[in-house]
Amino acid sequence: SYRLTDDDNRLVVDLHGEADGVEVIKRFSFERGSYAVEVAYHLANTTEEPVSARFIGQLARDNSPDPSSGVALGMSSFLGAAYSSPEERYQKVDFDDIQAGRFTNRDSQGGWVAIIQHYFVSAWAPPQNQQNLQYATTDSRNRNVVAFAGPVTTVAADGEARLGATLYVGPKVQSQLEEVAENLRLTVDFGWLWFLANPLFWLLDQIHGLIGNWGWSIVLLTIVVKLVLWPLSAKAYKSMARMRKLGPEMQRLKEQYGDDRQKMSQEMMKFYQKEKINPLGGCLPILVQMPVFIALYWMLLESVELRHAPFMFWIQDLSMKDPYFILPILMGASMFVQQMLNPTPPDPMQAKIMKMLPILFTFFFLWFPAGLVIYWVVNNIISIAQQYVITRKIENDPNVGKGMRTK
């Protein structure tokens, strides 16, 4: 066995062999704290004829599911192959396409090939100035194989040559991935809202650098995001508070003109105009915030930094579900409190559905990673406080409802 001593930062392992008069040294170079391994073949041709050699780097995986994959509400992390080239910065390849032979081999200068599963990636990154063939196939064991083949090198008689590439095997640590090859950090797949998720992760990482706990970093990040979105959420809560206060008058109009839908619509529009209510005022600001929430979801789901990261008390791994389901129950309770502050939907069926949502979300969140549930709980608590203050202010405002009193 080989071991990196406390005094060394680099370990070199040489494997020696010989084939048909060609002496081969396969060299692995390891750096302390790095998941990248430099792999090189040193060839010495002792024959009287030139020989040809080619570096081929392969990665293989069977079709078993990823045991660490996060699945929630139908959204799961990607399991499959990927490649990068100057023409395509990051392209995912499903194992089904490899099994069906639908992957087209391609030439690429530099680039890389990889197999991805949730928090981890294995990747070959050849020298970026050489022309390579990227291909995918299946082997005799029906495993999915993604690989690159470097250019053919001719080793003259009594000559020597070196062929090399970098192999990355480990967690998707963005800072290390970018050092191995351009665009390899894109294997940390934040989805189609990556342009929002990337700065959110940067901010989370900066907060963690100050306080040293990923759980509290999520709490502080949630507070920062909530403060940034405060004006939008305040506008939504004001609209809902006005609708809540004016609910009895709206119900009276529906009872009075319920048989004449056209007349009821006209009276409702007059009522909205008098009270300066936008029926969509509570929805639009929330819809604007949804991309941020989705980006946060993917950022927290994909961040390997949360794996095995403790928070406090019973939460010792932010990437795993709460073992006692305390956080999901708190989340459901906070949703129930929020509903009490919202106006009652006029449609009885809609009202029943809304009452069921906290129960349904609690059930779904039972299997969410604890880090994600912490975000939702903190966000809900802040939202409750904000909504409570705004609702009380609107209910005590004598100008709200003035239009219906002077009717």
Protein backbone atom coordinates (compact mmCIF):
# COMPACT_ATOMS: atom_id res chain seq x y z
CA SER A 1 0.00 0.00 0.00
CA TYR A 2 1.00 3.62 -0.47
CA ARG A 3 0.56 6.46 1.99
CA LEU A 4 1.27 10.19 1.89
CA THR A 5 3.42 11.01 4.92
CA ASP A 6 2.76 14.03 7.11
CA ASP A 7 5.84 15.79 5.75
CA ASP A 8 4.97 15.35 2.06
CA ASN A 9 2.39 17.06 -0.12
CA ARG A 10 2.93 14.88 -3.18
CA LEU A 11 2.97 11.13 -3.76
CA VAL A 12 4.19 9.49 -6.98
CA VAL A 13 3.40 5.85 -7.68
CA ASP A 14 5.12 4.08 -10.60
CA LEU A 15 3.91 0.81 -12.09
CA HIS A 16 6.38 -0.91 -14.39
CA GLY A 17 5.68 -3.21 -17.32
CA GLU A 18 7.01 -4.39 -20.68
CA ALA A 19 5.26 -5.41 -23.88
CA ASP A 20 6.90 -6.45 -27.15
CA GLY A 21 10.12 -4.65 -26.39
CA VAL A 22 8.46 -1.46 -25.15
CA GLU A 23 9.14 -0.58 -21.53
CA VAL A 24 6.19 1.13 -19.87
CA ILE A 25 6.03 3.15 -16.67
CA LYS A 26 2.50 4.10 -15.67
CA ARG A 27 2.84 6.98 -13.22
CA PHE A 28 0.17 8.26 -10.83
CA SER A 29 0.84 11.61 -9.15
CA PHE A 30 -1.27 12.57 -6.14
CA GLU A 31 -1.41 15.99 -4.44
CA ARG A 32 -2.48 16.46 -0.83
CA GLY A 33 -5.99 17.86 -0.59
CA SER A 34 -6.74 17.31 -4.29
CA TYR A 35 -9.07 14.83 -5.96
CA ALA A 36 -7.21 15.19 -9.27
CA VAL A 37 -4.66 12.54 -10.24
CA GLU A 38 -2.08 13.07 -12.96
CA VAL A 39 -1.82 9.87 -15.00
CA ALA A 40 1.08 9.45 -17.42
CA TYR A 41 2.60 6.67 -19.52
CA HIS A 42 6.36 6.88 -20.03
CA LEU A 43 7.31 4.71 -23.01
CA ALA A 44 10.78 3.53 -24.01
CA ASN A 45 10.98 1.69 -27.33
CA THR A 46 13.93 -0.71 -27.15
CA THR A 47 13.16 -2.33 -30.51
CA GLU A 48 14.56 -1.46 -33.91
CA GLU A 49 11.15 -0.54 -35.31
CA PRO A 50 8.89 2.42 -34.55
CA VAL A 51 5.76 1.66 -32.53
CA SER A 52 2.45 3.49 -32.21
CA ALA A 53 0.81 4.38 -28.91
CA ARG A 54 -2.37 6.15 -27.88
CA PHE A 55 -3.72 7.30 -24.52
CA ILE A 56 -7.28 6.08 -23.98
CA GLY A 57 -9.12 7.12 -20.83
CA GLN A 58 -12.34 5.26 -20.03
CA LEU A 59 -14.98 5.59 -17.33
CA ALA A 60 -17.60 2.90 -16.74
CA ARG A 61 -20.73 2.59 -14.62
CA ASP A 62 -23.54 0.08 -14.41
CA ASN A 63 -27.23 0.96 -14.55
CA SER A 64 -27.94 0.78 -10.82
CA PRO A 65 -29.61 3.84 -9.25
CA ASP A 66 -27.65 6.47 -7.39
CA PRO A 67 -28.08 5.79 -3.64
CA SER A 68 -27.24 9.40 -2.76
CA SER A 69 -29.54 11.03 -5.30
CA GLY A 70 -31.92 13.61 -3.89
CA VAL A 71 -35.49 13.18 -5.10
CA ALA A 72 -38.19 15.59 -4.06
CA LEU A 73 -41.44 16.51 -5.77
CA GLY A 74 -40.26 14.71 -8.90
CA MET A 75 -36.99 16.66 -9.14
CA SER A 76 -33.89 14.50 -8.85
CA SER A 77 -30.21 15.04 -9.43
CA PHE A 78 -28.73 13.87 -12.73
CA LEU A 79 -27.20 10.41 -13.14
CA GLY A 80 -25.40 9.83 -16.42
CA ALA A 81 -22.49 10.85 -18.60
CA ALA A 82 -21.37 14.26 -19.78
CA TYR A 83 -18.79 15.79 -22.06
CA SER A 84 -17.35 19.18 -22.94
CA SER A 85 -15.77 20.57 -26.08
CA PRO A 86 -15.06 24.03 -27.50
CA GLU A 87 -18.36 23.78 -29.40
CA GLU A 88 -20.45 22.54 -26.45
CA ARG A 89 -19.41 23.74 -23.01
CA TYR A 90 -21.47 21.15 -21.13
CA GLN A 91 -23.64 18.41 -22.55
CA LYS A 92 -25.34 15.65 -20.56
CA VAL A 93 -25.84 12.17 -22.01
CA ASP A 94 -28.43 9.79 -20.55
CA PHE A 95 -27.36 6.21 -19.97
CA ASP A 96 -30.42 5.16 -22.00
CA ASP A 97 -28.93 6.91 -25.03
CA ILE A 98 -25.63 5.09 -24.53
CA GLN A 99 -27.41 1.75 -24.17
CA ALA A 100 -29.35 2.43 -27.37
CA GLY A 101 -26.23 3.50 -29.28
CA ARG A 102 -27.54 7.00 -29.89
CA PHE A 103 -24.33 8.81 -28.90
CA THR A 104 -22.39 10.14 -31.88
CA ASN A 105 -18.62 10.01 -31.60
CA ARG A 106 -17.01 13.42 -31.99
CA ASP A 107 -13.61 15.02 -32.39
CA SER A 108 -12.67 17.70 -29.90
CA GLN A 109 -9.67 19.80 -29.07
CA GLY A 110 -9.16 19.42 -25.34
CA GLY A 111 -12.47 19.11 -23.52
CA TRP A 112 -13.33 16.34 -21.06
CA VAL A 113 -15.60 13.34 -20.52
CA ALA A 114 -17.29 12.45 -17.24
CA ILE A 115 -19.76 10.28 -15.37
CA ILE A 116 -21.91 12.15 -12.86
CA GLN A 117 -23.98 11.04 -9.91
CA HIS A 118 -25.38 13.64 -7.53
CA TYR A 119 -22.49 14.80 -5.32
CA PHE A 120 -19.71 13.01 -7.23
CA VAL A 121 -18.02 13.07 -10.61
CA SER A 122 -15.37 11.01 -12.36
CA ALA A 123 -13.76 12.77 -15.30
CA TRP A 124 -10.91 12.45 -17.76
CA ALA A 125 -9.38 15.75 -18.88
CA PRO A 126 -6.73 15.34 -21.61
CA PRO A 127 -4.26 18.11 -22.48
CA GLN A 128 -6.36 20.99 -23.76
CA ASN A 129 -4.16 21.65 -26.79
CA GLN A 130 -4.46 18.16 -28.31
CA GLN A 131 -7.07 16.71 -30.63
CA ASN A 132 -9.10 13.89 -29.07
CA LEU A 133 -11.89 11.53 -29.96
CA GLN A 134 -14.81 11.48 -27.51
CA TYR A 135 -16.99 8.38 -27.61
CA ALA A 136 -19.50 6.35 -25.60
CA THR A 137 -20.37 2.67 -25.76
CA THR A 138 -21.21 -0.35 -23.62
CA ASP A 139 -18.78 -3.04 -22.51
CA SER A 140 -19.10 -6.82 -22.20
CA ARG A 141 -20.77 -6.40 -18.79
CA ASN A 142 -23.35 -4.01 -20.28
CA ARG A 143 -21.89 -1.10 -18.35
CA ASN A 144 -22.07 2.41 -19.74
CA VAL A 145 -18.66 3.57 -20.97
CA VAL A 146 -17.68 7.14 -21.78
CA ALA A 147 -14.14 7.76 -22.94
CA PHE A 148 -11.64 9.80 -24.88
CA ALA A 149 -8.83 8.65 -27.16
CA GLY A 150 -5.87 10.92 -27.68
CA PRO A 151 -3.90 11.24 -30.92
CA VAL A 152 -1.73 8.38 -32.12
CA THR A 153 1.91 8.92 -31.16
CA THR A 154 4.77 7.24 -33.00
CA VAL A 155 7.70 6.23 -30.82
CA ALA A 156 10.84 5.87 -32.92
CA ALA A 157 13.25 2.96 -32.52
CA ASP A 158 15.26 3.47 -29.33
CA GLY A 159 13.05 6.51 -28.70
CA GLU A 160 10.92 7.64 -25.79
CA ALA A 161 7.53 9.30 -25.40
CA ARG A 162 5.16 10.49 -22.72
CA LEU A 163 1.37 10.36 -22.87
CA GLY A 164 -0.70 11.91 -20.10
CA ALA A 165 -4.07 13.16 -18.87
CA THR A 166 -5.75 14.22 -15.63
CA LEU A 167 -8.24 11.98 -13.84
CA TYR A 168 -10.63 13.60 -11.35
CA VAL A 169 -12.44 11.23 -8.98
CA GLY A 170 -14.30 12.72 -6.06
CA PRO A 171 -16.93 15.15 -4.83
CA LYS A 172 -18.02 18.07 -6.99
CA VAL A 173 -15.95 20.78 -5.29
CA GLN A 174 -16.26 23.72 -7.66
CA SER A 175 -12.90 25.32 -6.90
CA GLN A 176 -11.05 22.08 -7.66
CA LEU A 177 -13.08 21.22 -10.75
CA GLU A 178 -12.23 24.51 -12.43
CA GLU A 179 -8.52 23.91 -11.84
CA VAL A 180 -8.68 20.57 -13.69
CA ALA A 181 -10.39 21.72 -16.88
CA GLU A 182 -12.47 24.59 -18.18
CA ASN A 183 -16.22 24.08 -17.69
CA LEU A 184 -15.77 20.98 -15.50
CA ARG A 185 -17.42 22.90 -12.65
CA LEU A 186 -20.63 22.82 -14.73
CA THR A 187 -21.06 19.22 -13.56
CA VAL A 188 -22.36 20.88 -10.40
CA ASP A 189 -25.70 21.07 -12.15
CA PHE A 190 -27.81 23.90 -10.77
CA GLY A 191 -30.37 23.48 -13.55
CA TRP A 192 -31.73 26.10 -15.91
CA LEU A 193 -31.59 28.78 -13.20
CA TRP A 194 -27.82 28.39 -12.77
CA PHE A 195 -27.33 32.14 -13.27
CA LEU A 196 -29.22 32.68 -9.99
CA ALA A 197 -27.93 29.59 -8.18
CA ASN A 198 -24.25 30.38 -8.77
CA PRO A 199 -24.25 33.74 -6.93
CA LEU A 200 -26.41 32.20 -4.19
CA PHE A 201 -23.82 29.47 -3.67
CA TRP A 202 -21.03 32.05 -3.69
CA LEU A 203 -22.84 33.99 -0.96
CA LEU A 204 -23.48 30.80 1.04
CA ASP A 205 -19.80 29.89 0.77
CA GLN A 206 -18.74 33.38 1.91
CA ILE A 207 -21.04 33.20 4.93
CA HIS A 208 -19.68 29.76 5.80
CA GLY A 209 -16.16 31.16 5.63
CA LEU A 210 -17.13 33.59 8.39
CA ILE A 211 -19.12 31.37 10.77
CA GLY A 212 -17.92 27.84 9.92
CA ASN A 213 -21.29 26.05 10.11
CA TRP A 214 -23.25 25.20 6.97
CA GLY A 215 -26.58 25.00 8.82
CA TRP A 216 -26.29 28.50 10.26
CA SER A 217 -24.98 29.64 6.88
CA ILE A 218 -28.27 28.47 5.32
CA VAL A 219 -30.20 30.37 8.01
CA LEU A 220 -28.28 33.59 7.34
CA LEU A 221 -28.54 33.14 3.56
CA THR A 222 -32.31 32.75 3.91
CA ILE A 223 -32.47 35.98 5.91
CA VAL A 224 -30.39 37.84 3.29
CA VAL A 225 -32.56 36.56 0.42
CA LYS A 226 -35.71 37.44 2.36
CA LEU A 227 -34.44 40.98 2.94
CA VAL A 228 -33.66 41.41 -0.76
CA LEU A 229 -37.15 40.20 -1.71
CA TRP A 230 -38.81 42.09 1.16
CA PRO A 231 -40.45 44.80 -1.03
CA LEU A 232 -42.00 42.21 -3.35
CA SER A 233 -43.33 40.03 -0.56
CA ALA A 234 -44.58 43.10 1.32
CA LYS A 235 -46.59 44.12 -1.73
CA ALA A 236 -48.12 40.65 -1.95
CA TYR A 237 -48.97 40.55 1.76
CA LYS A 238 -50.55 44.03 1.61
CA SER A 239 -52.79 42.89 -1.23
CA MET A 240 -53.78 39.72 0.65
CA ALA A 241 -54.41 41.69 3.84
CA ARG A 242 -56.73 44.09 2.00
CA MET A 243 -58.58 41.15 0.45
CA ARG A 244 -58.88 39.58 3.89
CA LYS A 245 -60.33 42.73 5.46
CA LEU A 246 -62.73 43.34 2.58
CA GLY A 247 -63.75 39.67 2.34
CA PRO A 248 -67.23 40.14 3.90
CA GLU A 249 -68.18 42.81 1.37
CA MET A 250 -66.92 40.67 -1.50
CA GLN A 251 -68.98 37.76 -0.20
CA ARG A 252 -72.05 40.00 0.01
CA LEU A 253 -71.65 40.98 -3.64
CA LYS A 254 -71.38 37.34 -4.66
CA GLU A 255 -74.52 36.44 -2.74
CA GLN A 256 -76.40 39.43 -4.16
CA TYR A 257 -75.42 38.93 -7.81
CA GLY A 258 -74.52 35.24 -7.79
CA ASP A 259 -77.22 34.35 -10.32
CA ASP A 260 -76.02 36.99 -12.79
CA ARG A 261 -72.33 36.32 -13.41
CA GLN A 262 -71.93 39.28 -15.77
CA LYS A 263 -73.49 41.70 -13.27
CA MET A 264 -71.44 40.23 -10.45
CA SER A 265 -68.23 40.71 -12.46
CA GLN A 266 -69.14 44.33 -13.14
CA GLU A 267 -69.88 45.03 -9.48
CA MET A 268 -66.70 43.30 -8.38
CA MET A 269 -64.64 45.43 -10.77
CA LYS A 270 -66.29 48.57 -9.41
CA PHE A 271 -65.52 47.37 -5.91
CA TYR A 272 -61.87 46.73 -6.81
CA GLN A 273 -61.59 50.21 -8.31
CA LYS A 274 -63.11 51.90 -5.26
CA GLU A 275 -60.85 50.05 -2.87
CA LYS A 276 -57.81 50.25 -5.20
CA ILE A 277 -57.40 46.48 -5.18
CA ASN A 278 -55.48 44.57 -7.83
CA PRO A 279 -56.92 41.02 -7.91
CA LEU A 280 -53.52 39.75 -9.04
CA GLY A 281 -51.61 41.93 -6.61
CA GLY A 282 -50.97 39.05 -4.24
CA CYS A 283 -49.93 36.61 -6.97
CA LEU A 284 -47.57 38.52 -9.24
CA PRO A 285 -44.93 39.42 -6.60
CA ILE A 286 -44.89 35.80 -5.45
CA LEU A 287 -44.49 34.57 -9.04
CA VAL A 288 -41.53 36.92 -9.48
CA GLN A 289 -39.90 35.35 -6.41
CA MET A 290 -40.42 31.75 -7.56
CA PRO A 291 -37.25 31.58 -9.74
CA VAL A 292 -35.18 32.53 -6.69
CA PHE A 293 -36.83 29.80 -4.60
CA ILE A 294 -36.25 27.19 -7.33
CA ALA A 295 -32.62 28.28 -7.73
CA LEU A 296 -32.14 27.96 -3.97
CA TYR A 297 -33.66 24.49 -4.07
CA TRP A 298 -31.23 23.26 -6.73
CA MET A 299 -28.27 25.02 -5.15
CA LEU A 300 -28.87 23.34 -1.79
CA LEU A 301 -29.67 19.98 -3.41
CA GLU A 302 -26.48 19.92 -5.48
CA SER A 303 -23.98 21.34 -2.98
CA VAL A 304 -21.69 18.53 -1.81
CA GLU A 305 -20.54 20.81 1.00
CA LEU A 306 -23.73 19.88 2.88
CA ARG A 307 -22.88 16.17 2.79
CA HIS A 308 -21.99 14.96 6.31
CA ALA A 309 -22.12 18.61 7.46
CA PRO A 310 -23.67 18.92 10.96
CA PHE A 311 -25.98 21.72 12.08
CA MET A 312 -26.86 21.30 15.74
CA PHE A 313 -28.60 18.92 18.13
CA TRP A 314 -30.10 16.00 16.19
CA ILE A 315 -29.20 17.32 12.70
CA GLN A 316 -25.77 15.84 12.00
CA ASP A 317 -25.97 15.62 8.20
CA LEU A 318 -27.61 18.43 6.25
CA SER A 319 -27.77 16.31 3.10
CA MET A 320 -29.94 13.65 4.79
CA LYS A 321 -33.56 13.78 5.92
CA ASP A 322 -34.37 14.78 9.49
CA PRO A 323 -34.20 11.43 11.37
CA TYR A 324 -36.98 12.47 13.75
CA PHE A 325 -39.06 14.48 11.22
CA ILE A 326 -39.09 17.50 13.54
CA LEU A 327 -38.15 20.02 10.83
CA PRO A 328 -40.86 18.87 8.36
CA ILE A 329 -43.47 19.08 11.12
CA LEU A 330 -42.30 22.61 11.99
CA MET A 331 -42.48 23.48 8.31
CA GLY A 332 -46.06 22.19 8.07
CA ALA A 333 -47.04 24.06 11.23
CA SER A 334 -45.57 27.28 9.86
CA MET A 335 -47.56 26.83 6.64
CA PHE A 336 -50.73 26.37 8.70
CA VAL A 337 -50.05 29.62 10.59
CA GLN A 338 -49.45 31.42 7.30
CA GLN A 339 -52.80 30.23 6.01
CA MET A 340 -54.53 31.72 9.03
CA LEU A 341 -53.22 35.13 7.93
CA ASN A 342 -54.40 34.71 4.34
CA PRO A 343 -57.87 35.59 3.06
CA THR A 344 -60.25 32.65 2.83
CA PRO A 345 -60.68 31.53 -0.80
CA PRO A 346 -64.22 32.24 -2.03
CA ASP A 347 -64.52 28.80 -3.64
CA PRO A 348 -65.30 26.12 -0.99
CA MET A 349 -63.38 23.46 -2.91
CA GLN A 350 -60.35 25.74 -3.18
CA ALA A 351 -60.59 26.45 0.55
CA LYS A 352 -60.51 22.71 1.32
CA ILE A 353 -57.48 22.22 -0.93
CA MET A 354 -55.65 25.08 0.77
CA LYS A 355 -56.31 23.50 4.17
CA MET A 356 -54.81 20.24 2.93
CA LEU A 357 -51.61 21.83 1.61
CA PRO A 358 -49.74 21.98 4.95
CA ILE A 359 -50.41 18.27 5.45
CA LEU A 360 -49.33 17.38 1.92
CA PHE A 361 -46.18 19.50 2.09
CA THR A 362 -45.28 18.03 5.47
CA PHE A 363 -45.52 14.56 3.94
CA PHE A 364 -43.35 15.52 0.96
CA PHE A 365 -40.78 17.27 3.12
CA LEU A 366 -40.29 14.18 5.30
CA TRP A 367 -37.74 12.97 2.74
CA PHE A 368 -36.18 16.33 1.88
CA PRO A 369 -32.55 16.90 2.91
CA ALA A 370 -32.47 18.72 6.25
CA GLY A 371 -30.61 21.67 4.69
CA LEU A 372 -33.52 22.32 2.34
CA VAL A 373 -36.11 22.04 5.11
CA ILE A 374 -34.14 24.49 7.27
CA TYR A 375 -34.39 27.01 4.45
CA TRP A 376 -38.17 26.58 4.14
CA VAL A 377 -38.77 26.73 7.91
CA VAL A 378 -36.73 29.92 8.35
CA ASN A 379 -38.31 31.50 5.27
CA ASN A 380 -41.80 30.68 6.55
CA ILE A 381 -41.08 32.06 10.03
CA ILE A 382 -39.82 35.36 8.60
CA SER A 383 -42.80 35.48 6.23
CA ILE A 384 -45.23 34.94 9.11
CA ALA A 385 -43.70 37.82 11.07
CA GLN A 386 -43.77 40.11 8.04
CA GLN A 387 -47.29 39.14 7.08
CA TYR A 388 -48.59 39.50 10.65
CA VAL A 389 -47.28 43.05 10.96
CA ILE A 390 -48.68 44.05 7.56
CA THR A 391 -52.06 42.39 8.21
CA ARG A 392 -52.49 44.13 11.58
CA LYS A 393 -51.56 47.46 9.99
CA ILE A 394 -54.09 47.05 7.18
CA GLU A 395 -56.86 45.94 9.56
CA ASN A 396 -56.29 48.99 11.75
CA ASP A 397 -56.15 51.37 8.77
CA PRO A 398 -59.48 53.26 8.65
CA ASN A 399 -58.93 54.16 4.99
CA VAL A 400 -59.12 50.51 3.93
CA GLY A 401 -62.79 49.74 3.35
CA LYS A 402 -63.72 53.39 3.23
CA GLY A 403 -65.10 52.92 -0.25
CA MET A 404 -67.64 50.33 0.80
CA ARG A 405 -68.71 52.34 3.85
CA THR A 406 -69.47 55.39 1.72
CA LYS A 407 -71.24 53.43 -0.94
